[in-house]
Amino acid sequence: MPAYFARRLLIGLFTLWVVTILAYALIRSMPGDPVSVDSEGSQKIDQEENARRRAAYGLDDPWHVGYSNWLSRAVRLDLDSALTGTKRPVVEILQERLKPTLLLTTSSLVLAYLLSIPLGLYCSARSGKPDERVISTGLYMIYSLPSFVAAVLLQSFFSIKLIGTAWELPLAGLVSDNHDQLSSWGQTVDIFKHMILPVFCYTYGALAYEARFIRANMAEVVRQDYIRTARAKGVSEFNVYVKHAFRNTLIPLVTLLGLTFPTLLSGSVILEQIFSLPGMGSLLITSIYARDYPVIMAVVLMFSILTLIGQLVADMLYAVVDPRIAYD
């Protein structure tokens, strides 16, 4: 096993290196730079000042020289400081923006799996029945609805049409304006209300996909000979589906789990803009607009690391769900 994980670590490091090279080359090829973008949004700055700032930021160097400088700092865990805005250290910005995104995505991930597993098993057990057809059709329709469309519709209904009622929900943001004046319980309730619509928009698509995914895998497994043998021995239908069939569908489900979390983080870009949430998605968008290279590279690096960690965790879980798999 140590040899396997050492090999995976080397492959992961090589993958990170390739991803960061491509990302840095692409962002440096975009029109404009942090100095020119910052100059457009402020008072007119003379050419000499622009040239001095470009030299200070290393923007006059070729992209491969800039990448080498960034990489040498990154391996020392120094992600530099932002080139625009408050020019704070990038690590501080990431720590500040990561909390709302983790709150949103973790809640969505837990809810999606807690609901999709029993729903997928129910649809598999009731395959071909009228209630199963209704549920499967509903899941297909829900999955077909883009999350950003659902977000706008929910905002219009719960935040505008129901304004002033007990069912009103906040339109945007993570907290209310008077959040600091509330008690601890009041602050918790305030955050919960602000999270209802975003979490729902994050969850329903994953829920629909994963429930259909489980049902499709179960449909193949329940036709196997060992399932017929278990039924012939008098094993209850609950044990047949949960203890025998479902366990043999866990490997593809674990693979899906390894990809879900980084996908949710990267998918937060659009929804965080709609709900005005101060998370990683909105940070990435504003950084791209500002051509803030250190922040963009830090976000790309974090997403890449999360993807690789998700795959590694999935590989480790394979041996847990299937004793036949070993990494010796």
Protein backbone atom coordinates (compact mmCIF):
# COMPACT_ATOMS: atom_id res chain seq x y z
CA MET A 1 0.00 0.00 0.00
CA PRO A 2 2.75 2.59 0.72
CA ALA A 3 4.14 2.03 -2.77
CA TYR A 4 0.70 2.54 -4.30
CA PHE A 5 0.06 5.81 -2.50
CA ALA A 6 3.60 7.03 -3.21
CA ARG A 7 2.93 6.41 -6.90
CA ARG A 8 -0.41 8.21 -6.68
CA LEU A 9 1.28 11.12 -4.94
CA LEU A 10 3.85 11.45 -7.72
CA ILE A 11 1.13 11.28 -10.38
CA GLY A 12 -0.88 13.90 -8.47
CA LEU A 13 2.09 16.26 -8.25
CA PHE A 14 2.75 15.89 -11.97
CA THR A 15 -0.93 16.56 -12.70
CA LEU A 16 -0.86 19.68 -10.54
CA TRP A 17 2.23 20.90 -12.36
CA VAL A 18 0.60 20.47 -15.78
CA VAL A 19 -2.68 22.08 -14.66
CA THR A 20 -0.94 25.11 -13.17
CA ILE A 21 1.21 25.59 -16.28
CA LEU A 22 -1.86 25.58 -18.53
CA ALA A 23 -3.83 27.84 -16.18
CA TYR A 24 -1.02 30.39 -15.88
CA ALA A 25 -0.41 30.42 -19.64
CA LEU A 26 -4.11 31.00 -20.30
CA ILE A 27 -4.60 33.81 -17.81
CA ARG A 28 -1.45 35.59 -18.98
CA SER A 29 -2.76 35.40 -22.56
CA MET A 30 -5.95 37.28 -21.61
CA PRO A 31 -6.14 40.89 -22.83
CA GLY A 32 -5.14 43.44 -20.21
CA ASP A 33 -3.34 43.03 -16.91
CA PRO A 34 -3.93 44.05 -13.26
CA VAL A 35 -2.34 47.48 -13.79
CA SER A 36 -4.40 48.41 -16.87
CA VAL A 37 -7.64 47.12 -15.33
CA ASP A 38 -6.97 49.00 -12.09
CA SER A 39 -6.13 52.17 -14.01
CA GLU A 40 -9.47 52.08 -15.83
CA GLY A 41 -11.40 51.97 -12.56
CA SER A 42 -9.48 54.77 -10.86
CA GLN A 43 -8.19 58.18 -11.72
CA LYS A 44 -5.98 58.40 -14.77
CA ILE A 45 -2.47 57.20 -14.01
CA ASP A 46 0.48 58.39 -16.10
CA GLN A 47 2.50 55.99 -18.23
CA GLU A 48 5.55 56.14 -15.99
CA GLU A 49 3.57 55.02 -12.97
CA ASN A 50 2.01 52.19 -14.99
CA ALA A 51 5.44 51.08 -16.17
CA ARG A 52 6.79 51.17 -12.61
CA ARG A 53 3.92 49.07 -11.31
CA ARG A 54 4.24 46.53 -14.13
CA ALA A 55 7.93 46.14 -13.36
CA ALA A 56 7.18 45.76 -9.64
CA TYR A 57 4.58 43.06 -10.33
CA GLY A 58 6.80 41.29 -12.87
CA LEU A 59 4.25 41.78 -15.65
CA ASP A 60 6.93 42.72 -18.17
CA ASP A 61 8.52 39.27 -17.88
CA PRO A 62 7.50 36.46 -20.28
CA TRP A 63 4.79 34.19 -18.94
CA HIS A 64 7.14 31.27 -18.35
CA VAL A 65 9.37 33.47 -16.18
CA GLY A 66 6.32 34.65 -14.23
CA TYR A 67 5.20 31.04 -13.80
CA SER A 68 8.61 30.01 -12.51
CA ASN A 69 8.50 32.81 -9.95
CA TRP A 70 4.98 31.82 -8.88
CA LEU A 71 5.92 28.13 -8.64
CA SER A 72 9.00 28.84 -6.55
CA ARG A 73 6.82 30.70 -4.05
CA ALA A 74 4.01 28.12 -4.16
CA VAL A 75 6.29 25.23 -3.20
CA ARG A 76 7.22 27.29 -0.13
CA LEU A 77 3.48 27.69 0.61
CA ASP A 78 3.70 31.38 -0.25
CA LEU A 79 0.80 32.28 -2.53
CA ASP A 80 1.80 35.95 -2.71
CA SER A 81 -0.58 38.89 -2.22
CA ALA A 82 -3.46 40.09 -4.36
CA LEU A 83 -2.47 42.62 -7.03
CA THR A 84 -5.75 44.54 -6.85
CA GLY A 85 -8.21 45.68 -4.20
CA THR A 86 -6.85 45.62 -0.66
CA LYS A 87 -3.73 43.71 -1.80
CA ARG A 88 -4.03 41.37 1.17
CA PRO A 89 -2.20 37.99 1.31
CA VAL A 90 -3.96 35.45 -0.88
CA VAL A 91 -4.08 32.89 1.94
CA GLU A 92 -6.15 35.28 4.07
CA ILE A 93 -8.55 35.90 1.19
CA LEU A 94 -9.00 32.16 0.60
CA GLN A 95 -9.64 31.48 4.28
CA GLU A 96 -12.26 34.21 4.37
CA ARG A 97 -14.05 33.09 1.20
CA LEU A 98 -13.79 29.34 1.78
CA LYS A 99 -16.08 29.27 4.84
CA PRO A 100 -19.35 30.28 3.06
CA THR A 101 -18.62 27.92 0.18
CA LEU A 102 -17.88 24.99 2.49
CA LEU A 103 -21.05 25.71 4.47
CA LEU A 104 -23.06 25.65 1.28
CA THR A 105 -21.44 22.69 -0.46
CA THR A 106 -21.10 20.46 2.60
CA SER A 107 -24.76 20.93 3.50
CA SER A 108 -25.74 20.18 -0.09
CA LEU A 109 -23.52 17.10 -0.31
CA VAL A 110 -24.83 15.59 2.93
CA LEU A 111 -28.46 16.27 2.04
CA ALA A 112 -28.07 14.91 -1.50
CA TYR A 113 -26.70 11.57 -0.33
CA LEU A 114 -29.00 11.23 2.68
CA LEU A 115 -32.01 11.64 0.39
CA SER A 116 -30.81 10.03 -2.85
CA ILE A 117 -29.80 6.65 -1.36
CA PRO A 118 -33.20 5.73 0.15
CA LEU A 119 -34.99 7.26 -2.84
CA GLY A 120 -32.89 5.27 -5.31
CA LEU A 121 -33.42 2.06 -3.35
CA TYR A 122 -37.18 2.69 -3.18
CA CYS A 123 -37.38 3.26 -6.93
CA SER A 124 -35.40 0.07 -7.52
CA ALA A 125 -37.66 -1.97 -5.23
CA ARG A 126 -40.79 -0.52 -6.86
CA SER A 127 -39.48 -0.79 -10.42
CA GLY A 128 -42.28 -0.68 -12.98
CA LYS A 129 -44.95 0.33 -10.46
CA PRO A 130 -47.00 3.54 -11.01
CA ASP A 131 -45.45 5.35 -8.02
CA GLU A 132 -41.93 4.52 -9.24
CA ARG A 133 -42.72 5.84 -12.73
CA VAL A 134 -44.05 9.08 -11.26
CA ILE A 135 -40.98 9.53 -9.05
CA SER A 136 -38.55 8.70 -11.88
CA THR A 137 -40.29 11.11 -14.25
CA GLY A 138 -40.22 13.81 -11.58
CA LEU A 139 -36.50 13.23 -10.95
CA TYR A 140 -35.80 13.43 -14.67
CA MET A 141 -37.71 16.72 -14.96
CA ILE A 142 -35.98 18.17 -11.89
CA TYR A 143 -32.55 17.21 -13.21
CA SER A 144 -33.36 18.92 -16.52
CA LEU A 145 -34.02 22.27 -14.80
CA PRO A 146 -30.83 24.37 -14.61
CA SER A 147 -29.98 25.46 -11.09
CA PHE A 148 -29.57 29.12 -12.04
CA VAL A 149 -33.07 29.18 -13.53
CA ALA A 150 -34.48 27.60 -10.38
CA ALA A 151 -32.59 30.17 -8.29
CA VAL A 152 -34.17 33.11 -10.09
CA LEU A 153 -37.66 31.56 -9.91
CA LEU A 154 -37.32 30.82 -6.19
CA GLN A 155 -36.05 34.32 -5.48
CA SER A 156 -39.01 35.80 -7.34
CA PHE A 157 -41.48 33.68 -5.39
CA PHE A 158 -40.13 33.50 -1.84
CA SER A 159 -38.38 36.88 -1.67
CA ILE A 160 -40.71 39.06 -3.72
CA LYS A 161 -44.19 37.54 -3.97
CA LEU A 162 -44.17 36.35 -0.35
CA ILE A 163 -42.57 39.48 1.08
CA GLY A 164 -43.99 40.41 4.45
CA THR A 165 -45.35 36.91 5.10
CA ALA A 166 -44.07 34.15 7.37
CA TRP A 167 -42.78 32.30 4.28
CA GLU A 168 -40.56 35.14 3.09
CA LEU A 169 -36.91 34.16 2.60
CA PRO A 170 -33.90 36.46 2.15
CA LEU A 171 -33.18 37.45 -1.43
CA ALA A 172 -29.38 37.34 -1.28
CA GLY A 173 -26.36 37.48 0.98
CA LEU A 174 -25.17 35.27 3.81
CA VAL A 175 -26.46 37.33 6.74
CA SER A 176 -28.87 40.20 7.38
CA ASP A 177 -27.81 43.78 8.00
CA ASN A 178 -28.62 43.46 11.73
CA HIS A 179 -26.85 40.12 12.11
CA ASP A 180 -24.36 41.44 14.68
CA GLN A 181 -27.15 42.74 16.91
CA LEU A 182 -28.88 39.34 17.11
CA SER A 183 -28.40 36.74 19.83
CA SER A 184 -26.40 33.56 19.14
CA TRP A 185 -29.60 31.66 18.36
CA GLY A 186 -30.87 34.54 16.24
CA GLN A 187 -27.64 34.59 14.22
CA THR A 188 -27.93 30.83 13.63
CA VAL A 189 -31.53 31.21 12.45
CA ASP A 190 -30.53 34.15 10.26
CA ILE A 191 -27.80 32.15 8.51
CA PHE A 192 -30.16 29.17 8.17
CA LYS A 193 -32.79 31.29 6.43
CA HIS A 194 -30.21 32.70 4.04
CA MET A 195 -28.98 29.18 3.23
CA ILE A 196 -32.36 27.61 2.40
CA LEU A 197 -32.64 28.74 -1.22
CA PRO A 198 -28.95 28.31 -2.18
CA VAL A 199 -28.73 24.87 -0.56
CA PHE A 200 -31.92 23.78 -2.32
CA CYS A 201 -30.54 24.92 -5.68
CA TYR A 202 -27.30 23.07 -5.03
CA THR A 203 -29.00 19.91 -3.79
CA TYR A 204 -31.89 19.11 -6.11
CA GLY A 205 -29.78 18.46 -9.21
CA ALA A 206 -27.33 16.20 -7.39
CA LEU A 207 -30.21 14.46 -5.62
CA ALA A 208 -32.02 13.71 -8.88
CA TYR A 209 -28.87 12.49 -10.63
CA GLU A 210 -27.64 10.31 -7.76
CA ALA A 211 -31.06 8.74 -7.14
CA ARG A 212 -31.33 7.81 -10.83
CA PHE A 213 -27.71 6.64 -10.75
CA ILE A 214 -28.40 4.30 -7.82
CA ARG A 215 -31.59 3.03 -9.42
CA ALA A 216 -29.81 2.26 -12.71
CA ASN A 217 -27.00 0.37 -10.96
CA MET A 218 -29.45 -1.53 -8.77
CA ALA A 219 -31.50 -2.55 -11.82
CA GLU A 220 -28.47 -4.43 -13.14
CA VAL A 221 -27.44 -5.98 -9.83
CA VAL A 222 -30.87 -7.35 -8.83
CA ARG A 223 -30.85 -9.54 -11.96
CA GLN A 224 -27.72 -11.40 -10.82
CA ASP A 225 -27.83 -15.07 -9.79
CA TYR A 226 -26.81 -14.46 -6.18
CA ILE A 227 -29.83 -12.18 -5.71
CA ARG A 228 -32.15 -14.94 -6.95
CA THR A 229 -30.39 -17.35 -4.60
CA ALA A 230 -30.88 -15.03 -1.64
CA ARG A 231 -34.58 -14.72 -2.42
CA ALA A 232 -34.89 -18.49 -2.80
CA LYS A 233 -33.40 -18.89 0.69
CA GLY A 234 -36.16 -16.69 2.08
CA VAL A 235 -34.13 -13.53 2.69
CA SER A 236 -36.43 -10.53 3.15
CA GLU A 237 -36.67 -7.99 0.36
CA PHE A 238 -35.19 -5.32 2.62
CA ASN A 239 -32.08 -7.38 3.25
CA VAL A 240 -31.87 -8.37 -0.41
CA TYR A 241 -31.78 -4.75 -1.54
CA VAL A 242 -29.82 -3.17 1.32
CA LYS A 243 -27.35 -5.86 2.44
CA HIS A 244 -26.78 -7.73 -0.82
CA ALA A 245 -27.60 -5.65 -3.88
CA PHE A 246 -26.79 -2.13 -2.66
CA ARG A 247 -23.38 -3.10 -1.31
CA ASN A 248 -22.34 -4.23 -4.77
CA THR A 249 -23.29 -0.86 -6.24
CA LEU A 250 -21.13 1.10 -3.81
CA ILE A 251 -17.98 1.20 -5.96
CA PRO A 252 -19.49 3.38 -8.74
CA LEU A 253 -21.23 5.43 -6.04
CA VAL A 254 -17.92 5.99 -4.23
CA THR A 255 -16.37 7.07 -7.53
CA LEU A 256 -19.17 9.56 -7.97
CA LEU A 257 -18.65 10.82 -4.42
CA GLY A 258 -14.98 11.47 -5.13
CA LEU A 259 -15.91 13.77 -8.01
CA THR A 260 -18.92 15.45 -6.43
CA PHE A 261 -17.27 17.70 -3.86
CA PRO A 262 -14.84 19.54 -6.18
CA THR A 263 -17.63 19.74 -8.76
CA LEU A 264 -19.86 21.48 -6.20
CA LEU A 265 -17.09 23.94 -5.35
CA SER A 266 -16.48 24.81 -8.98
CA GLY A 267 -20.22 24.85 -9.70
CA SER A 268 -20.70 27.49 -7.04
CA VAL A 269 -19.53 30.21 -9.45
CA ILE A 270 -22.94 30.99 -10.96
CA LEU A 271 -25.11 30.46 -7.89
CA GLU A 272 -22.86 32.54 -5.66
CA GLN A 273 -23.21 35.39 -8.12
CA ILE A 274 -27.01 35.05 -8.14
CA PHE A 275 -27.31 34.90 -4.35
CA SER A 276 -24.48 37.41 -3.72
CA LEU A 277 -22.62 34.98 -1.48
CA PRO A 278 -19.03 35.90 -0.54
CA GLY A 279 -17.59 32.52 -1.49
CA MET A 280 -15.00 30.99 -3.77
CA GLY A 281 -17.15 31.29 -6.87
CA SER A 282 -17.61 35.04 -6.62
CA LEU A 283 -13.93 35.39 -5.72
CA LEU A 284 -12.93 33.62 -8.92
CA ILE A 285 -15.18 35.81 -11.07
CA THR A 286 -13.98 39.09 -9.56
CA SER A 287 -10.36 37.95 -9.80
CA ILE A 288 -10.73 37.14 -13.49
CA TYR A 289 -12.31 40.54 -14.16
CA ALA A 290 -9.44 42.23 -12.28
CA ARG A 291 -6.76 40.00 -13.91
CA ASP A 292 -5.51 39.25 -10.40
CA TYR A 293 -3.13 36.46 -11.33
CA PRO A 294 -2.09 35.31 -7.82
CA VAL A 295 -5.70 34.93 -6.67
CA ILE A 296 -6.76 33.11 -9.85
CA MET A 297 -3.84 30.70 -9.57
CA ALA A 298 -4.57 30.06 -5.90
CA VAL A 299 -8.22 29.19 -6.64
CA VAL A 300 -7.23 26.93 -9.56
CA LEU A 301 -4.62 25.24 -7.37
CA MET A 302 -7.14 24.66 -4.59
CA PHE A 303 -9.77 23.20 -6.95
CA SER A 304 -7.15 20.91 -8.49
CA ILE A 305 -5.93 19.69 -5.11
CA LEU A 306 -9.50 19.01 -3.97
CA THR A 307 -10.16 16.99 -7.13
CA LEU A 308 -7.05 14.87 -6.61
CA ILE A 309 -7.82 14.38 -2.92
CA GLY A 310 -11.38 13.36 -3.79
CA GLN A 311 -10.07 10.71 -6.17
CA LEU A 312 -7.56 9.45 -3.61
CA VAL A 313 -10.24 9.19 -0.92
CA ALA A 314 -12.46 7.31 -3.39
CA ASP A 315 -9.64 4.84 -4.06
CA MET A 316 -9.18 4.29 -0.34
CA LEU A 317 -12.90 3.70 0.13
CA TYR A 318 -12.88 1.03 -2.59
CA ALA A 319 -11.03 -1.31 -0.23
CA VAL A 320 -13.56 -0.53 2.52
CA VAL A 321 -16.68 -1.32 0.48
CA ASP A 322 -15.14 -4.25 -1.40
CA PRO A 323 -12.80 -6.57 0.59
CA ARG A 324 -11.55 -8.10 -2.68
CA ILE A 325 -9.68 -4.87 -3.45
CA ALA A 326 -6.24 -4.50 -1.88
CA TYR A 327 -3.37 -2.08 -2.54
CA ASP A 328 -0.52 -4.34 -1.47
